[in-house]
């Protein structure tokens, strides 16, 4: 018989709020932690509503640093973002399932 030791995580706090624009998230799908210890969360909105599509920047203390990105198919825009990543040079990469591309900010 094998004995398993379970290690449980303890709740700390919640970051952000549900909002279509500005200081929060609207159907967030992925988060990346940058070299600056900030959280970059990509929201894709609901049923293609373009108002909620963006990347929101917070830190672990819930301080808000802004948003970037918008809905569309032009440079710097997204239709159905599905993932976000950061590199050591401070660039943000957002994958878009609809446009089949990765947008670099």
N, C-alpha and C. Protein backbone atom coordinates (compact mmCIF):
# COMPACT_ATOMS: atom_id res chain seq x y z
N UNK A 1 0.84 -1.18 0.00
CA UNK A 1 0.00 0.00 0.00
C UNK A 1 0.88 1.25 0.00
N UNK A 2 0.52 2.18 -0.84
CA UNK A 2 1.26 3.43 -0.94
C UNK A 2 0.53 4.51 -0.17
N UNK A 3 1.27 5.26 0.60
CA UNK A 3 0.69 6.37 1.35
C UNK A 3 1.04 7.66 0.63
N UNK A 4 0.04 8.46 0.37
CA UNK A 4 0.26 9.74 -0.30
C UNK A 4 0.15 10.87 0.70
N UNK A 5 1.02 11.80 0.56
CA UNK A 5 0.95 13.01 1.37
C UNK A 5 0.38 14.10 0.49
N UNK A 6 -0.67 14.71 0.94
CA UNK A 6 -1.30 15.79 0.17
C UNK A 6 -0.87 17.14 0.72
N UNK A 7 -0.49 17.97 -0.18
CA UNK A 7 -0.13 19.32 0.19
C UNK A 7 -1.17 20.25 -0.42
N UNK A 8 -1.86 20.96 0.42
CA UNK A 8 -2.92 21.84 -0.04
C UNK A 8 -2.41 23.27 -0.11
N UNK A 9 -2.96 23.99 -1.07
CA UNK A 9 -2.61 25.40 -1.21
C UNK A 9 -3.58 26.22 -0.38
N UNK A 10 -3.09 27.28 0.19
CA UNK A 10 -3.90 28.17 1.00
C UNK A 10 -4.26 29.41 0.17
N UNK A 11 -5.54 29.76 0.16
CA UNK A 11 -6.01 30.94 -0.56
C UNK A 11 -5.31 32.19 -0.03
N UNK A 12 -4.91 33.06 -0.94
CA UNK A 12 -4.26 34.31 -0.56
C UNK A 12 -5.18 35.50 -0.83
N UNK A 13 -5.49 35.75 -2.11
CA UNK A 13 -6.34 36.88 -2.46
C UNK A 13 -6.74 36.79 -3.93
N UNK A 14 -7.64 37.65 -4.33
CA UNK A 14 -8.12 37.71 -5.71
C UNK A 14 -7.60 38.99 -6.35
N UNK A 15 -7.25 38.89 -7.63
CA UNK A 15 -6.73 40.04 -8.37
C UNK A 15 -7.72 40.40 -9.47
N UNK A 16 -8.01 41.69 -9.62
CA UNK A 16 -8.86 42.15 -10.71
C UNK A 16 -10.34 42.05 -10.42
N UNK A 17 -11.13 42.40 -11.42
CA UNK A 17 -12.58 42.35 -11.32
C UNK A 17 -13.14 42.13 -12.71
N UNK A 18 -14.41 41.81 -12.78
CA UNK A 18 -15.05 41.55 -14.06
C UNK A 18 -15.59 42.86 -14.64
N UNK A 19 -15.01 43.28 -15.75
CA UNK A 19 -15.46 44.50 -16.40
C UNK A 19 -15.12 44.45 -17.89
N UNK A 20 -15.95 45.04 -18.69
CA UNK A 20 -15.78 45.00 -20.14
C UNK A 20 -14.59 45.81 -20.62
N UNK A 21 -14.17 46.81 -19.84
CA UNK A 21 -13.03 47.62 -20.25
C UNK A 21 -12.28 48.10 -19.01
N UNK A 22 -11.08 48.59 -19.23
CA UNK A 22 -10.32 49.16 -18.12
C UNK A 22 -9.78 48.16 -17.12
N UNK A 23 -9.94 48.48 -15.85
CA UNK A 23 -9.31 47.78 -14.74
C UNK A 23 -9.88 46.41 -14.44
N UNK A 24 -9.79 45.49 -15.30
CA UNK A 24 -10.29 44.16 -14.97
C UNK A 24 -10.19 43.22 -16.14
N UNK A 25 -10.94 42.15 -16.02
CA UNK A 25 -10.90 41.10 -17.03
C UNK A 25 -12.31 40.83 -17.53
N UNK A 26 -12.41 40.35 -18.74
CA UNK A 26 -13.69 39.92 -19.27
C UNK A 26 -13.45 38.64 -20.05
N UNK A 27 -13.76 37.53 -19.42
CA UNK A 27 -13.47 36.19 -19.92
C UNK A 27 -11.96 36.01 -20.15
N UNK A 28 -11.19 36.11 -19.06
CA UNK A 28 -9.74 35.91 -19.19
C UNK A 28 -9.43 34.46 -19.56
N UNK A 29 -8.44 34.28 -20.43
CA UNK A 29 -8.10 32.92 -20.88
C UNK A 29 -6.67 32.52 -20.56
N UNK A 30 -5.78 33.47 -20.28
CA UNK A 30 -4.40 33.10 -19.99
C UNK A 30 -3.71 34.26 -19.28
N UNK A 31 -2.69 33.92 -18.48
CA UNK A 31 -1.90 34.91 -17.76
C UNK A 31 -0.43 34.54 -17.87
N UNK A 32 0.40 35.54 -18.08
CA UNK A 32 1.86 35.36 -18.07
C UNK A 32 2.44 36.29 -17.02
N UNK A 33 3.51 35.85 -16.39
CA UNK A 33 4.21 36.69 -15.42
C UNK A 33 5.46 37.24 -16.11
N UNK A 34 5.59 38.56 -16.11
CA UNK A 34 6.72 39.20 -16.77
C UNK A 34 7.93 39.27 -15.87
N UNK A 35 9.05 39.67 -16.46
CA UNK A 35 10.29 39.81 -15.73
C UNK A 35 10.19 40.91 -14.67
N UNK A 36 9.19 41.75 -14.81
CA UNK A 36 8.92 42.83 -13.85
C UNK A 36 7.96 42.38 -12.75
N UNK A 37 7.66 41.08 -12.68
CA UNK A 37 6.72 40.48 -11.72
C UNK A 37 5.30 41.01 -11.87
N UNK A 38 4.99 41.53 -13.03
CA UNK A 38 3.61 41.94 -13.32
C UNK A 38 2.89 40.82 -14.04
N UNK A 39 1.57 40.78 -13.86
CA UNK A 39 0.74 39.77 -14.51
C UNK A 39 0.13 40.36 -15.77
N UNK A 40 0.26 39.64 -16.87
CA UNK A 40 -0.29 40.05 -18.16
C UNK A 40 -1.40 39.06 -18.49
N UNK A 41 -2.65 39.51 -18.37
CA UNK A 41 -3.80 38.62 -18.55
C UNK A 41 -4.55 39.00 -19.82
N UNK A 42 -4.74 38.02 -20.70
CA UNK A 42 -5.46 38.27 -21.94
C UNK A 42 -6.92 37.86 -21.76
N UNK A 43 -7.82 38.76 -22.13
CA UNK A 43 -9.26 38.51 -22.10
C UNK A 43 -9.77 38.44 -23.53
N UNK A 44 -10.72 37.54 -23.78
CA UNK A 44 -11.23 37.45 -25.14
C UNK A 44 -12.69 37.83 -25.27
N UNK A 45 -13.29 38.30 -24.19
CA UNK A 45 -14.65 38.79 -24.21
C UNK A 45 -15.64 37.63 -24.37
N UNK A 46 -16.88 37.95 -24.66
CA UNK A 46 -17.94 36.94 -24.76
C UNK A 46 -18.56 37.00 -26.14
N UNK A 47 -18.67 35.86 -26.78
CA UNK A 47 -19.34 35.75 -28.08
C UNK A 47 -18.87 36.79 -29.09
N UNK A 48 -17.59 37.08 -29.08
CA UNK A 48 -17.04 37.99 -30.06
C UNK A 48 -17.30 39.46 -29.81
N UNK A 49 -17.84 39.82 -28.64
CA UNK A 49 -18.04 41.23 -28.33
C UNK A 49 -16.66 41.89 -28.25
N UNK A 50 -16.37 42.83 -29.12
CA UNK A 50 -15.01 43.37 -29.21
C UNK A 50 -14.58 44.24 -28.03
N UNK A 51 -15.51 44.67 -27.20
CA UNK A 51 -15.16 45.61 -26.13
C UNK A 51 -14.26 45.01 -25.06
N UNK A 52 -14.29 43.68 -24.87
CA UNK A 52 -13.52 43.08 -23.79
C UNK A 52 -12.19 42.50 -24.20
N UNK A 53 -11.83 42.58 -25.48
CA UNK A 53 -10.60 41.96 -25.97
C UNK A 53 -9.42 42.88 -25.67
N UNK A 54 -8.50 42.38 -24.81
CA UNK A 54 -7.36 43.20 -24.41
C UNK A 54 -6.41 42.40 -23.52
N UNK A 55 -5.26 42.96 -23.26
CA UNK A 55 -4.33 42.44 -22.26
C UNK A 55 -4.32 43.44 -21.12
N UNK A 56 -4.56 42.96 -19.90
CA UNK A 56 -4.60 43.80 -18.71
C UNK A 56 -3.37 43.52 -17.87
N UNK A 57 -2.75 44.57 -17.34
CA UNK A 57 -1.52 44.43 -16.56
C UNK A 57 -1.79 44.79 -15.10
N UNK A 58 -1.44 43.85 -14.20
CA UNK A 58 -1.56 44.02 -12.75
C UNK A 58 -0.28 43.52 -12.11
N UNK A 59 -0.15 43.79 -10.80
CA UNK A 59 0.88 43.09 -10.03
C UNK A 59 0.17 42.25 -8.97
N UNK A 60 0.94 41.52 -8.19
CA UNK A 60 0.34 40.62 -7.19
C UNK A 60 -0.37 41.37 -6.07
N UNK A 61 -0.08 42.66 -5.92
CA UNK A 61 -0.76 43.47 -4.91
C UNK A 61 -2.02 44.12 -5.48
N UNK A 62 -2.43 43.72 -6.68
CA UNK A 62 -3.62 44.23 -7.37
C UNK A 62 -3.48 45.65 -7.89
N UNK A 63 -2.25 46.15 -7.99
CA UNK A 63 -2.06 47.47 -8.59
C UNK A 63 -2.22 47.35 -10.10
N UNK A 64 -3.02 48.22 -10.66
CA UNK A 64 -3.35 48.21 -12.09
C UNK A 64 -2.37 49.09 -12.85
N UNK A 65 -1.83 48.57 -13.97
CA UNK A 65 -0.85 49.31 -14.76
C UNK A 65 -1.34 49.65 -16.17
N UNK A 66 -2.52 49.20 -16.55
CA UNK A 66 -3.05 49.56 -17.86
C UNK A 66 -3.43 48.36 -18.71
N UNK A 67 -3.85 48.66 -19.93
CA UNK A 67 -4.25 47.64 -20.89
C UNK A 67 -3.65 47.97 -22.25
N UNK A 68 -3.60 46.96 -23.11
CA UNK A 68 -3.22 47.20 -24.50
C UNK A 68 -3.86 46.14 -25.37
N UNK A 69 -3.87 46.40 -26.68
CA UNK A 69 -4.52 45.51 -27.63
C UNK A 69 -5.98 45.88 -27.80
N UNK A 70 -6.52 45.48 -28.95
CA UNK A 70 -7.92 45.75 -29.22
C UNK A 70 -8.43 44.76 -30.25
N UNK A 71 -9.72 44.78 -30.47
CA UNK A 71 -10.34 43.85 -31.40
C UNK A 71 -10.12 44.28 -32.84
N UNK A 72 -9.83 43.31 -33.70
CA UNK A 72 -9.67 43.59 -35.12
C UNK A 72 -8.65 42.67 -35.75
N UNK A 73 -8.46 42.81 -37.05
CA UNK A 73 -7.51 41.96 -37.77
C UNK A 73 -6.28 42.72 -38.25
N UNK A 74 -6.18 44.00 -37.92
CA UNK A 74 -5.01 44.79 -38.31
C UNK A 74 -3.85 44.53 -37.35
N UNK A 75 -2.70 45.14 -37.65
CA UNK A 75 -1.54 44.99 -36.77
C UNK A 75 -1.89 45.45 -35.36
N UNK A 76 -1.48 44.67 -34.36
CA UNK A 76 -1.73 45.01 -32.97
C UNK A 76 -3.13 44.71 -32.49
N UNK A 77 -3.93 44.04 -33.31
CA UNK A 77 -5.30 43.72 -32.94
C UNK A 77 -5.50 42.20 -32.84
N UNK A 78 -6.59 41.79 -32.17
CA UNK A 78 -6.89 40.38 -31.95
C UNK A 78 -8.38 40.14 -32.13
N UNK A 79 -8.74 38.94 -32.56
CA UNK A 79 -10.15 38.56 -32.68
C UNK A 79 -10.53 37.55 -31.59
N UNK A 80 -9.76 36.48 -31.45
CA UNK A 80 -10.06 35.42 -30.48
C UNK A 80 -8.76 34.99 -29.81
N UNK A 81 -8.20 35.86 -28.94
CA UNK A 81 -6.93 35.53 -28.29
C UNK A 81 -7.07 34.31 -27.38
N UNK A 82 -6.04 33.47 -27.39
CA UNK A 82 -6.10 32.23 -26.60
C UNK A 82 -4.92 32.05 -25.66
N UNK A 83 -3.87 32.83 -25.81
CA UNK A 83 -2.71 32.66 -24.94
C UNK A 83 -1.85 33.90 -24.93
N UNK A 84 -1.05 34.03 -23.86
CA UNK A 84 -0.14 35.16 -23.74
C UNK A 84 1.16 34.66 -23.12
N UNK A 85 2.29 35.22 -23.58
CA UNK A 85 3.60 34.88 -23.04
C UNK A 85 4.46 36.14 -23.03
N UNK A 86 5.50 36.13 -22.18
CA UNK A 86 6.45 37.24 -22.10
C UNK A 86 7.85 36.68 -22.28
N UNK A 87 8.75 37.51 -22.80
CA UNK A 87 10.15 37.08 -22.88
C UNK A 87 11.02 38.00 -22.02
N UNK A 88 12.30 37.69 -21.95
CA UNK A 88 13.22 38.45 -21.10
C UNK A 88 13.53 39.83 -21.64
N UNK A 89 13.13 40.12 -22.87
CA UNK A 89 13.34 41.44 -23.45
C UNK A 89 12.12 42.35 -23.26
N UNK A 90 11.11 41.86 -22.54
CA UNK A 90 9.93 42.67 -22.25
C UNK A 90 8.86 42.63 -23.31
N UNK A 91 9.00 41.75 -24.29
CA UNK A 91 7.97 41.64 -25.33
C UNK A 91 6.84 40.74 -24.85
N UNK A 92 5.63 41.03 -25.33
CA UNK A 92 4.45 40.22 -25.02
C UNK A 92 3.97 39.59 -26.32
N UNK A 93 3.68 38.29 -26.26
CA UNK A 93 3.23 37.52 -27.41
C UNK A 93 1.81 37.04 -27.15
N UNK A 94 0.89 37.36 -28.04
CA UNK A 94 -0.50 36.94 -27.89
C UNK A 94 -0.88 36.07 -29.08
N UNK A 95 -1.30 34.84 -28.80
CA UNK A 95 -1.75 33.96 -29.88
C UNK A 95 -3.23 34.19 -30.13
N UNK A 96 -3.62 34.12 -31.40
CA UNK A 96 -4.99 34.38 -31.80
C UNK A 96 -5.50 33.20 -32.63
N UNK A 97 -6.48 32.51 -32.09
CA UNK A 97 -7.03 31.32 -32.75
C UNK A 97 -7.78 31.66 -34.03
N UNK A 98 -8.42 32.82 -34.08
CA UNK A 98 -9.20 33.19 -35.26
C UNK A 98 -8.32 33.60 -36.43
N UNK A 99 -7.31 34.43 -36.16
CA UNK A 99 -6.45 34.93 -37.24
C UNK A 99 -5.26 34.01 -37.52
N UNK A 100 -5.09 32.98 -36.69
CA UNK A 100 -3.98 32.03 -36.86
C UNK A 100 -2.62 32.73 -36.89
N UNK A 101 -2.43 33.60 -35.91
CA UNK A 101 -1.15 34.31 -35.84
C UNK A 101 -0.79 34.62 -34.39
N UNK A 102 0.44 35.05 -34.20
CA UNK A 102 0.91 35.52 -32.91
C UNK A 102 1.27 36.99 -33.08
N UNK A 103 0.66 37.83 -32.26
CA UNK A 103 0.92 39.26 -32.31
C UNK A 103 1.95 39.60 -31.25
N UNK A 104 2.96 40.37 -31.63
CA UNK A 104 4.04 40.74 -30.71
C UNK A 104 3.91 42.21 -30.35
N UNK A 105 3.90 42.48 -29.05
CA UNK A 105 3.84 43.86 -28.54
C UNK A 105 5.16 44.19 -27.87
